[in-house]
Every structure is written in C-alpha cells, then in structure tokens.
Amino acid sequence: MMDYYNLIKSPLITEKASFLKEGFNKYALYVDVRANKKQLKGAIKSIFDVDVLSINVVKVPSKKKRFRGVVGSRKQKKKIYFSLANGQSLDMVGM
C-alpha cells in the first residue's frame, strides 16, 4: 500500500476549480496515476480530517510534444474532484 502523503501531488488551481469550490463545495487535486478511489478517499480523510461524500476521477493522457526537432511526450496525469459534507471546508493555500 502506498503512503497517503505520496498519493496527493498538488492542488489544482484553475478557474473551474475555484467556481466548483465556491458554488458546490467541491475541491480539485492532482494525484498519483496509480491510486484508486478507495485509496484517495482514505488519504483525504486522514490528511485533512474531513468527510468525503463523492470522488470523480479524470485521467489526462500524455501528449506528444516537439522541442527543437526532438519528439517527446508529457507525463500522464490524474486529477480528482471531490465533494465534502455540509459545513466542512479545506484550506488549499497551505499545501
């Protein structure tokens, strides 16, 4: 089993993520590609001490990129959107 602190990579700070946070109490994070929903729910619950209601997972595939004539690829990413119970919130600034 993986360490919970290694599963969560960074907060996802976009316009969509801030809209979901303000309107629907949903948060977004980049996570490890190998993690599943059960592991992620346990990690969020233990690290942030909150109750997670639902998790939606989005896999971002790798992209082919060219730099100075050399073809390479970007890494594959996984991001999650999760909702918290009423009255709970997270402070993503300190991450």
PDB file of N, CA and C in Angstrom:
ATOM      1  N   MET A   1       0.841  -1.197   0.000  1.00  0.00           N
ATOM      2  CA  MET A   1       0.000   0.000   0.000  1.00  0.00           C
ATOM      3  C   MET A   1       0.874   1.244   0.000  1.00  0.00           C
ATOM      4  N   MET A   2       0.440   2.246  -0.690  1.00  0.00           N
ATOM      5  CA  MET A   2       1.206   3.485  -0.797  1.00  0.00           C
ATOM      6  C   MET A   2       0.964   4.378   0.405  1.00  0.00           C
ATOM      7  N   ASP A   3       1.929   5.237   0.682  1.00  0.00           N
ATOM      8  CA  ASP A   3       1.793   6.215   1.750  1.00  0.00           C
ATOM      9  C   ASP A   3       0.792   7.282   1.321  1.00  0.00           C
ATOM     10  N   TYR A   4      -0.075   7.690   2.249  1.00  0.00           N
ATOM     11  CA  TYR A   4      -1.115   8.662   1.906  1.00  0.00           C
ATOM     12  C   TYR A   4      -0.530   9.993   1.436  1.00  0.00           C
ATOM     13  N   TYR A   5       0.588  10.401   1.997  1.00  0.00           N
ATOM     14  CA  TYR A   5       1.169  11.681   1.610  1.00  0.00           C
ATOM     15  C   TYR A   5       1.791  11.640   0.214  1.00  0.00           C
ATOM     16  N   ASN A   6       2.090  10.463  -0.293  1.00  0.00           N
ATOM     17  CA  ASN A   6       2.619  10.349  -1.653  1.00  0.00           C
ATOM     18  C   ASN A   6       1.521  10.270  -2.703  1.00  0.00           C
ATOM     19  N   LEU A   7       0.281  10.010  -2.297  1.00  0.00           N
ATOM     20  CA  LEU A   7      -0.821   9.917  -3.252  1.00  0.00           C
ATOM     21  C   LEU A   7      -1.233  11.284  -3.774  1.00  0.00           C
ATOM     22  N   ILE A   8      -1.241  12.293  -2.916  1.00  0.00           N
ATOM     23  CA  ILE A   8      -1.689  13.629  -3.300  1.00  0.00           C
ATOM     24  C   ILE A   8      -0.486  14.448  -3.744  1.00  0.00           C
ATOM     25  N   LYS A   9      -0.521  14.910  -4.984  1.00  0.00           N
ATOM     26  CA  LYS A   9       0.602  15.653  -5.550  1.00  0.00           C
ATOM     27  C   LYS A   9       0.501  17.159  -5.288  1.00  0.00           C
ATOM     28  N   SER A  10      -0.581  17.784  -5.759  1.00  0.00           N
ATOM     29  CA  SER A  10      -0.714  19.225  -5.610  1.00  0.00           C
ATOM     30  C   SER A  10      -2.167  19.625  -5.817  1.00  0.00           C
ATOM     31  N   PRO A  11      -2.526  20.818  -5.336  1.00  0.00           N
ATOM     32  CA  PRO A  11      -3.887  21.299  -5.607  1.00  0.00           C
ATOM     33  C   PRO A  11      -4.003  21.750  -7.066  1.00  0.00           C
ATOM     34  N   LEU A  12      -5.185  21.611  -7.588  1.00  0.00           N
ATOM     35  CA  LEU A  12      -5.477  22.036  -8.955  1.00  0.00           C
ATOM     36  C   LEU A  12      -6.116  23.416  -8.859  1.00  0.00           C
ATOM     37  N   ILE A  13      -5.385  24.431  -9.275  1.00  0.00           N
ATOM     38  CA  ILE A  13      -5.859  25.809  -9.148  1.00  0.00           C
ATOM     39  C   ILE A  13      -6.184  26.337 -10.543  1.00  0.00           C
ATOM     40  N   THR A  14      -7.459  26.281 -10.878  1.00  0.00           N
ATOM     41  CA  THR A  14      -7.941  26.788 -12.163  1.00  0.00           C
ATOM     42  C   THR A  14      -9.225  27.568 -11.913  1.00  0.00           C
ATOM     43  N   GLU A  15      -9.716  28.189 -12.955  1.00  0.00           N
ATOM     44  CA  GLU A  15     -10.967  28.926 -12.852  1.00  0.00           C
ATOM     45  C   GLU A  15     -12.131  27.983 -12.562  1.00  0.00           C
ATOM     46  N   LYS A  16     -12.134  26.823 -13.197  1.00  0.00           N
ATOM     47  CA  LYS A  16     -13.179  25.839 -12.965  1.00  0.00           C
ATOM     48  C   LYS A  16     -13.148  25.338 -11.526  1.00  0.00           C
ATOM     49  N   ALA A  17     -11.955  25.072 -10.999  1.00  0.00           N
ATOM     50  CA  ALA A  17     -11.835  24.566  -9.637  1.00  0.00           C
ATOM     51  C   ALA A  17     -12.307  25.602  -8.617  1.00  0.00           C
ATOM     52  N   SER A  18     -12.011  26.864  -8.842  1.00  0.00           N
ATOM     53  CA  SER A  18     -12.465  27.898  -7.908  1.00  0.00           C
ATOM     54  C   SER A  18     -13.981  28.079  -7.986  1.00  0.00           C
ATOM     55  N   PHE A  19     -14.564  27.941  -9.178  1.00  0.00           N
ATOM     56  CA  PHE A  19     -16.015  28.015  -9.320  1.00  0.00           C
ATOM     57  C   PHE A  19     -16.696  26.867  -8.580  1.00  0.00           C
ATOM     58  N   LEU A  20     -16.160  25.650  -8.715  1.00  0.00           N
ATOM     59  CA  LEU A  20     -16.732  24.493  -8.021  1.00  0.00           C
ATOM     60  C   LEU A  20     -16.606  24.628  -6.500  1.00  0.00           C
ATOM     61  N   LYS A  21     -15.506  25.202  -6.058  1.00  0.00           N
ATOM     62  CA  LYS A  21     -15.289  25.386  -4.616  1.00  0.00           C
ATOM     63  C   LYS A  21     -16.313  26.364  -4.034  1.00  0.00           C
ATOM     64  N   GLU A  22     -16.516  27.467  -4.702  1.00  0.00           N
ATOM     65  CA  GLU A  22     -17.433  28.488  -4.193  1.00  0.00           C
ATOM     66  C   GLU A  22     -18.891  28.059  -4.315  1.00  0.00           C
ATOM     67  N   GLY A  23     -19.258  27.442  -5.421  1.00  0.00           N
ATOM     68  CA  GLY A  23     -20.655  27.145  -5.676  1.00  0.00           C
ATOM     69  C   GLY A  23     -21.148  25.818  -5.123  1.00  0.00           C
ATOM     70  N   PHE A  24     -20.289  24.799  -5.138  1.00  0.00           N
ATOM     71  CA  PHE A  24     -20.760  23.450  -4.840  1.00  0.00           C
ATOM     72  C   PHE A  24     -19.977  22.730  -3.747  1.00  0.00           C
ATOM     73  N   ASN A  25     -19.028  23.406  -3.095  1.00  0.00           N
ATOM     74  CA  ASN A  25     -18.202  22.814  -2.039  1.00  0.00           C
ATOM     75  C   ASN A  25     -17.443  21.596  -2.568  1.00  0.00           C
ATOM     76  N   LYS A  26     -16.910  21.716  -3.809  1.00  0.00           N
ATOM     77  CA  LYS A  26     -16.092  20.662  -4.411  1.00  0.00           C
ATOM     78  C   LYS A  26     -14.670  21.179  -4.556  1.00  0.00           C
ATOM     79  N   TYR A  27     -13.715  20.271  -4.416  1.00  0.00           N
ATOM     80  CA  TYR A  27     -12.304  20.620  -4.480  1.00  0.00           C
ATOM     81  C   TYR A  27     -11.617  19.765  -5.526  1.00  0.00           C
ATOM     82  N   ALA A  28     -10.451  20.212  -6.008  1.00  0.00           N
ATOM     83  CA  ALA A  28      -9.737  19.503  -7.059  1.00  0.00           C
ATOM     84  C   ALA A  28      -8.268  19.348  -6.681  1.00  0.00           C
ATOM     85  N   LEU A  29      -7.717  18.158  -6.971  1.00  0.00           N
ATOM     86  CA  LEU A  29      -6.315  17.860  -6.677  1.00  0.00           C
ATOM     87  C   LEU A  29      -5.707  17.051  -7.811  1.00  0.00           C
ATOM     88  N   TYR A  30      -4.389  17.217  -8.021  1.00  0.00           N
ATOM     89  CA  TYR A  30      -3.634  16.276  -8.833  1.00  0.00           C
ATOM     90  C   TYR A  30      -3.196  15.153  -7.913  1.00  0.00           C
ATOM     91  N   VAL A  31      -3.326  13.911  -8.378  1.00  0.00           N
ATOM     92  CA  VAL A  31      -2.980  12.754  -7.547  1.00  0.00           C
ATOM     93  C   VAL A  31      -2.087  11.800  -8.337  1.00  0.00           C
ATOM     94  N   ASP A  32      -1.585  10.785  -7.652  1.00  0.00           N
ATOM     95  CA  ASP A  32      -0.748   9.770  -8.269  1.00  0.00           C
ATOM     96  C   ASP A  32      -1.574   8.980  -9.287  1.00  0.00           C
ATOM     97  N   VAL A  33      -0.966   8.643 -10.413  1.00  0.00           N
ATOM     98  CA  VAL A  33      -1.659   7.966 -11.506  1.00  0.00           C
ATOM     99  C   VAL A  33      -2.104   6.561 -11.089  1.00  0.00           C
ATOM    100  N   ARG A  34      -1.372   5.927 -10.180  1.00  0.00           N
ATOM    101  CA  ARG A  34      -1.666   4.544  -9.794  1.00  0.00           C
ATOM    102  C   ARG A  34      -2.722   4.422  -8.703  1.00  0.00           C
ATOM    103  N   ALA A  35      -3.162   5.531  -8.118  1.00  0.00           N
ATOM    104  CA  ALA A  35      -4.098   5.498  -6.995  1.00  0.00           C
ATOM    105  C   ALA A  35      -5.525   5.243  -7.477  1.00  0.00           C
ATOM    106  N   ASN A  36      -6.316   4.554  -6.632  1.00  0.00           N
ATOM    107  CA  ASN A  36      -7.724   4.344  -6.953  1.00  0.00           C
ATOM    108  C   ASN A  36      -8.603   5.158  -6.003  1.00  0.00           C
ATOM    109  N   LYS A  37      -9.911   5.109  -6.221  1.00  0.00           N
ATOM    110  CA  LYS A  37     -10.828   5.953  -5.453  1.00  0.00           C
ATOM    111  C   LYS A  37     -10.806   5.630  -3.963  1.00  0.00           C
ATOM    112  N   LYS A  38     -10.728   4.363  -3.627  1.00  0.00           N
ATOM    113  CA  LYS A  38     -10.745   3.957  -2.225  1.00  0.00           C
ATOM    114  C   LYS A  38      -9.509   4.491  -1.489  1.00  0.00           C
ATOM    115  N   GLN A  39      -8.335   4.382  -2.108  1.00  0.00           N
ATOM    116  CA  GLN A  39      -7.112   4.899  -1.513  1.00  0.00           C
ATOM    117  C   GLN A  39      -7.167   6.417  -1.371  1.00  0.00           C
ATOM    118  N   LEU A  40      -7.695   7.094  -2.387  1.00  0.00           N
ATOM    119  CA  LEU A  40      -7.762   8.550  -2.361  1.00  0.00           C
ATOM    120  C   LEU A  40      -8.720   9.051  -1.287  1.00  0.00           C
ATOM    121  N   LYS A  41      -9.841   8.367  -1.129  1.00  0.00           N
ATOM    122  CA  LYS A  41     -10.798   8.757  -0.094  1.00  0.00           C
ATOM    123  C   LYS A  41     -10.181   8.610   1.292  1.00  0.00           C
ATOM    124  N   GLY A  42      -9.466   7.524   1.525  1.00  0.00           N
ATOM    125  CA  GLY A  42      -8.782   7.325   2.797  1.00  0.00           C
ATOM    126  C   GLY A  42      -7.703   8.361   3.035  1.00  0.00           C
ATOM    127  N   ALA A  43      -6.971   8.721   1.984  1.00  0.00           N
ATOM    128  CA  ALA A  43      -5.903   9.715   2.112  1.00  0.00           C
ATOM    129  C   ALA A  43      -6.463  11.080   2.472  1.00  0.00           C
ATOM    130  N   ILE A  44      -7.513  11.497   1.798  1.00  0.00           N
ATOM    131  CA  ILE A  44      -8.115  12.810   2.075  1.00  0.00           C
ATOM    132  C   ILE A  44      -8.694  12.837   3.481  1.00  0.00           C
ATOM    133  N   LYS A  45      -9.335  11.749   3.870  1.00  0.00           N
ATOM    134  CA  LYS A  45      -9.939  11.686   5.196  1.00  0.00           C
ATOM    135  C   LYS A  45      -8.881  11.742   6.295  1.00  0.00           C
ATOM    136  N   SER A  46      -7.770  11.052   6.114  1.00  0.00           N
ATOM    137  CA  SER A  46      -6.751  11.020   7.166  1.00  0.00           C
ATOM    138  C   SER A  46      -5.888  12.286   7.187  1.00  0.00           C
ATOM    139  N   ILE A  47      -5.551  12.838   6.032  1.00  0.00           N
ATOM    140  CA  ILE A  47      -4.680  14.019   5.994  1.00  0.00           C
ATOM    141  C   ILE A  47      -5.428  15.280   6.410  1.00  0.00           C
ATOM    142  N   PHE A  48      -6.609  15.503   5.837  1.00  0.00           N
ATOM    143  CA  PHE A  48      -7.333  16.749   6.076  1.00  0.00           C
ATOM    144  C   PHE A  48      -8.392  16.645   7.169  1.00  0.00           C
ATOM    145  N   ASP A  49      -8.699  15.427   7.640  1.00  0.00           N
ATOM    146  CA  ASP A  49      -9.687  15.193   8.696  1.00  0.00           C
ATOM    147  C   ASP A  49     -11.059  15.756   8.310  1.00  0.00           C
ATOM    148  N   VAL A  50     -11.540  15.336   7.134  1.00  0.00           N
ATOM    149  CA  VAL A  50     -12.858  15.739   6.634  1.00  0.00           C
ATOM    150  C   VAL A  50     -13.587  14.496   6.132  1.00  0.00           C
ATOM    151  N   ASP A  51     -14.901  14.618   5.916  1.00  0.00           N
ATOM    152  CA  ASP A  51     -15.707  13.532   5.379  1.00  0.00           C
ATOM    153  C   ASP A  51     -15.947  13.757   3.893  1.00  0.00           C
ATOM    154  N   VAL A  52     -15.530  12.800   3.073  1.00  0.00           N
ATOM    155  CA  VAL A  52     -15.673  12.885   1.623  1.00  0.00           C
ATOM    156  C   VAL A  52     -16.962  12.198   1.209  1.00  0.00           C
ATOM    157  N   LEU A  53     -17.818  12.908   0.475  1.00  0.00           N
ATOM    158  CA  LEU A  53     -19.068  12.333   0.010  1.00  0.00           C
ATOM    159  C   LEU A  53     -18.897  11.591  -1.304  1.00  0.00           C
ATOM    160  N   SER A  54     -18.237  12.214  -2.277  1.00  0.00           N
ATOM    161  CA  SER A  54     -18.067  11.566  -3.577  1.00  0.00           C
ATOM    162  C   SER A  54     -16.751  12.010  -4.203  1.00  0.00           C
ATOM    163  N   ILE A  55     -16.229  11.144  -5.078  1.00  0.00           N
ATOM    164  CA  ILE A  55     -14.987  11.428  -5.788  1.00  0.00           C
ATOM    165  C   ILE A  55     -15.206  11.155  -7.268  1.00  0.00           C
ATOM    166  N   ASN A  56     -14.801  12.087  -8.114  1.00  0.00           N
ATOM    167  CA  ASN A  56     -14.801  11.903  -9.559  1.00  0.00           C
ATOM    168  C   ASN A  56     -13.356  11.951 -10.034  1.00  0.00           C
ATOM    169  N   VAL A  57     -12.951  10.968 -10.833  1.00  0.00           N
ATOM    170  CA  VAL A  57     -11.573  10.840 -11.295  1.00  0.00           C
ATOM    171  C   VAL A  57     -11.507  11.156 -12.783  1.00  0.00           C
ATOM    172  N   VAL A  58     -10.500  11.950 -13.172  1.00  0.00           N
ATOM    173  CA  VAL A  58     -10.272  12.289 -14.573  1.00  0.00           C
ATOM    174  C   VAL A  58      -8.827  11.943 -14.907  1.00  0.00           C
ATOM    175  N   LYS A  59      -8.635  11.076 -15.904  1.00  0.00           N
ATOM    176  CA  LYS A  59      -7.293  10.752 -16.377  1.00  0.00           C
ATOM    177  C   LYS A  59      -6.959  11.661 -17.551  1.00  0.00           C
ATOM    178  N   VAL A  60      -5.838  12.353 -17.452  1.00  0.00           N
ATOM    179  CA  VAL A  60      -5.367  13.224 -18.523  1.00  0.00           C
ATOM    180  C   VAL A  60      -4.274  12.458 -19.266  1.00  0.00           C
ATOM    181  N   PRO A  61      -4.489  12.063 -20.510  1.00  0.00           N
ATOM    182  CA  PRO A  61      -3.493  11.260 -21.220  1.00  0.00           C
ATOM    183  C   PRO A  61      -2.246  12.069 -21.556  1.00  0.00           C
ATOM    184  N   SER A  62      -1.157  11.340 -21.820  1.00  0.00           N
ATOM    185  CA  SER A  62       0.087  12.012 -22.191  1.00  0.00           C
ATOM    186  C   SER A  62      -0.059  12.604 -23.589  1.00  0.00           C
ATOM    187  N   LYS A  63       0.683  13.678 -23.847  1.00  0.00           N
ATOM    188  CA  LYS A  63       0.621  14.349 -25.140  1.00  0.00           C
ATOM    189  C   LYS A  63       1.983  14.308 -25.805  1.00  0.00           C
ATOM    190  N   LYS A  64       1.975  14.131 -27.102  1.00  0.00           N
ATOM    191  CA  LYS A  64       3.212  14.203 -27.876  1.00  0.00           C
ATOM    192  C   LYS A  64       3.580  15.661 -28.076  1.00  0.00           C
ATOM    193  N   LYS A  65       4.818  16.012 -27.785  1.00  0.00           N
ATOM    194  CA  LYS A  65       5.311  17.373 -27.960  1.00  0.00           C
ATOM    195  C   LYS A  65       6.635  17.331 -28.700  1.00  0.00           C
ATOM    196  N   ARG A  66       6.909  18.400 -29.426  1.00  0.00           N
ATOM    197  CA  ARG A  66       8.148  18.514 -30.179  1.00  0.00           C
ATOM    198  C   ARG A  66       8.923  19.716 -29.645  1.00  0.00           C
ATOM    199  N   PHE A  67      10.205  19.510 -29.357  1.00  0.00           N
ATOM    200  CA  PHE A  67      11.063  20.593 -28.884  1.00  0.00           C
ATOM    201  C   PHE A  67      12.382  20.517 -29.636  1.00  0.00           C
ATOM    202  N   ARG A  68      12.674  21.530 -30.429  1.00  0.00           N
ATOM    203  CA  ARG A  68      13.885  21.612 -31.242  1.00  0.00           C
ATOM    204  C   ARG A  68      14.078  20.388 -32.130  1.00  0.00           C
ATOM    205  N   GLY A  69      12.985  19.913 -32.695  1.00  0.00           N
ATOM    206  CA  GLY A  69      13.041  18.796 -33.619  1.00  0.00           C
ATOM    207  C   GLY A  69      13.012  17.425 -32.970  1.00  0.00           C
ATOM    208  N   VAL A  70      13.059  17.370 -31.653  1.00  0.00           N
ATOM    209  CA  VAL A  70      13.041  16.090 -30.950  1.00  0.00           C
ATOM    210  C   VAL A  70      11.629  15.837 -30.441  1.00  0.00           C
ATOM    211  N   VAL A  71      11.084  14.666 -30.749  1.00  0.00           N
ATOM    212  CA  VAL A  71       9.741  14.322 -30.317  1.00  0.00           C
ATOM    213  C   VAL A  71       9.816  13.681 -28.941  1.00  0.00           C
ATOM    214  N   GLY A  72       8.998  14.190 -28.045  1.00  0.00           N
ATOM    215  CA  GLY A  72       8.914  13.641 -26.704  1.00  0.00           C
ATOM    216  C   GLY A  72       7.464  13.595 -26.277  1.00  0.00           C
ATOM    217  N   SER A  73       7.242  13.272 -25.025  1.00  0.00           N
ATOM    218  CA  SER A  73       5.863  13.242 -24.537  1.00  0.00           C
ATOM    219  C   SER A  73       5.807  13.752 -23.111  1.00  0.00           C
ATOM    220  N   ARG A  74       4.686  14.380 -22.796  1.00  0.00           N
ATOM    221  CA  ARG A  74       4.442  14.833 -21.434  1.00  0.00           C
ATOM    222  C   ARG A  74       3.945  13.663 -20.607  1.00  0.00           C
ATOM    223  N   LYS A  75       4.053  13.787 -19.301  1.00  0.00           N
ATOM    224  CA  LYS A  75       3.606  12.721 -18.425  1.00  0.00           C
ATOM    225  C   LYS A  75       2.086  12.639 -18.385  1.00  0.00           C
ATOM    226  N   GLN A  76       1.607  11.436 -18.112  1.00  0.00           N
ATOM    227  CA  GLN A  76       0.180  11.240 -17.894  1.00  0.00           C
ATOM    228  C   GLN A  76      -0.158  11.768 -16.504  1.00  0.00           C
ATOM    229  N   LYS A  77      -1.332  12.367 -16.354  1.00  0.00           N
ATOM    230  CA  LYS A  77      -1.750  12.928 -15.074  1.00  0.00           C
ATOM    231  C   LYS A  77      -3.100  12.368 -14.680  1.00  0.00           C
ATOM    232  N   LYS A  78      -3.409  12.470 -13.397  1.00  0.00           N
ATOM    233  CA  LYS A  78      -4.727  12.093 -12.912  1.00  0.00           C
ATOM    234  C   LYS A  78      -5.159  13.190 -11.948  1.00  0.00           C
ATOM    235  N   LYS A  79      -6.382  13.667 -12.131  1.00  0.00           N
ATOM    236  CA  LYS A  79      -6.919  14.666 -11.221  1.00  0.00           C
ATOM    237  C   LYS A  79      -8.249  14.181 -10.678  1.00  0.00           C
ATOM    238  N   ILE A  80      -8.569  14.645  -9.476  1.00  0.00           N
ATOM    239  CA  ILE A  80      -9.826  14.253  -8.852  1.00  0.00           C
ATOM    240  C   ILE A  80     -10.593  15.497  -8.447  1.00  0.00           C
ATOM    241  N   TYR A  81     -11.895  15.369  -8.514  1.00  0.00           N
ATOM    242  CA  TYR A  81     -12.819  16.359  -7.980  1.00  0.00           C
ATOM    243  C   TYR A  81     -13.608  15.647  -6.896  1.00  0.00           C
ATOM    244  N   PHE A  82     -13.627  16.212  -5.689  1.00  0.00           N
ATOM    245  CA  PHE A  82     -14.337  15.552  -4.601  1.00  0.00           C
ATOM    246  C   PHE A  82     -15.178  16.561  -3.840  1.00  0.00           C
ATOM    247  N   SER A  83     -16.288  16.078  -3.297  1.00  0.00           N
ATOM    248  CA  SER A  83     -17.182  16.950  -2.531  1.00  0.00           C
ATOM    249  C   SER A  83     -17.118  16.557  -1.064  1.00  0.00           C
ATOM    250  N   LEU A  84     -17.292  17.558  -0.217  1.00  0.00           N
ATOM    251  CA  LEU A  84     -17.237  17.366   1.228  1.00  0.00           C
ATOM    252  C   LEU A  84     -18.632  17.461   1.826  1.00  0.00           C
ATOM    253  N   ALA A  85     -18.762  16.988   3.046  1.00  0.00           N
ATOM    254  CA  ALA A  85     -20.027  17.075   3.758  1.00  0.00           C
ATOM    255  C   ALA A  85     -20.349  18.537   4.058  1.00  0.00           C
ATOM    256  N   ASN A  86     -21.608  18.821   4.309  1.00  0.00           N
ATOM    257  CA  ASN A  86     -22.026  20.197   4.598  1.00  0.00           C
ATOM    258  C   ASN A  86     -21.327  20.723   5.840  1.00  0.00           C
ATOM    259  N   GLY A  87     -20.902  21.974   5.768  1.00  0.00           N
ATOM    260  CA  GLY A  87     -20.254  22.625   6.899  1.00  0.00           C
ATOM    261  C   GLY A  87     -18.756  22.387   6.974  1.00  0.00           C
ATOM    262  N   GLN A  88     -18.178  21.585   6.080  1.00  0.00           N
ATOM    263  CA  GLN A  88     -16.743  21.329   6.095  1.00  0.00           C
ATOM    264  C   GLN A  88     -16.078  22.043   4.928  1.00  0.00           C
ATOM    265  N   SER A  89     -14.801  22.416   5.135  1.00  0.00           N
ATOM    266  CA  SER A  89     -14.060  23.077   4.068  1.00  0.00           C
ATOM    267  C   SER A  89     -12.571  22.755   4.225  1.00  0.00           C
ATOM    268  N   LEU A  90     -11.813  23.044   3.178  1.00  0.00           N
ATOM    269  CA  LEU A  90     -10.365  22.847   3.173  1.00  0.00           C
ATOM    270  C   LEU A  90      -9.667  24.156   2.890  1.00  0.00           C
ATOM    271  N   ASP A  91      -8.459  24.300   3.426  1.00  0.00           N
ATOM    272  CA  ASP A  91      -7.627  25.444   3.118  1.00  0.00           C
ATOM    273  C   ASP A  91      -6.523  24.949   2.195  1.00  0.00           C
ATOM    274  N   MET A  92      -6.652  25.209   0.894  1.00  0.00           N
ATOM    275  CA  MET A  92      -5.699  24.712  -0.087  1.00  0.00           C
ATOM    276  C   MET A  92      -4.462  25.591  -0.212  1.00  0.00           C
ATOM    277  N   VAL A  93      -4.421  26.734   0.429  1.00  0.00           N
ATOM    278  CA  VAL A  93      -3.302  27.639   0.295  1.00  0.00           C
ATOM    279  C   VAL A  93      -2.060  27.062   0.951  1.00  0.00           C
ATOM    280  N   GLY A  94      -2.220  26.352   2.055  1.00  0.00           N
ATOM    281  CA  GLY A  94      -1.083  25.831   2.803  1.00  0.00           C
ATOM    282  C   GLY A  94      -0.462  24.579   2.239  1.00  0.00           C
ATOM    283  N   MET A  95      -1.003  24.032   1.134  1.00  0.00           N
ATOM    284  CA  MET A  95      -0.455  22.785   0.582  1.00  0.00           C
ATOM    285  C   MET A  95       0.837  23.017  -0.142  1.00  0.00           C
TER     286      MET A  95
END
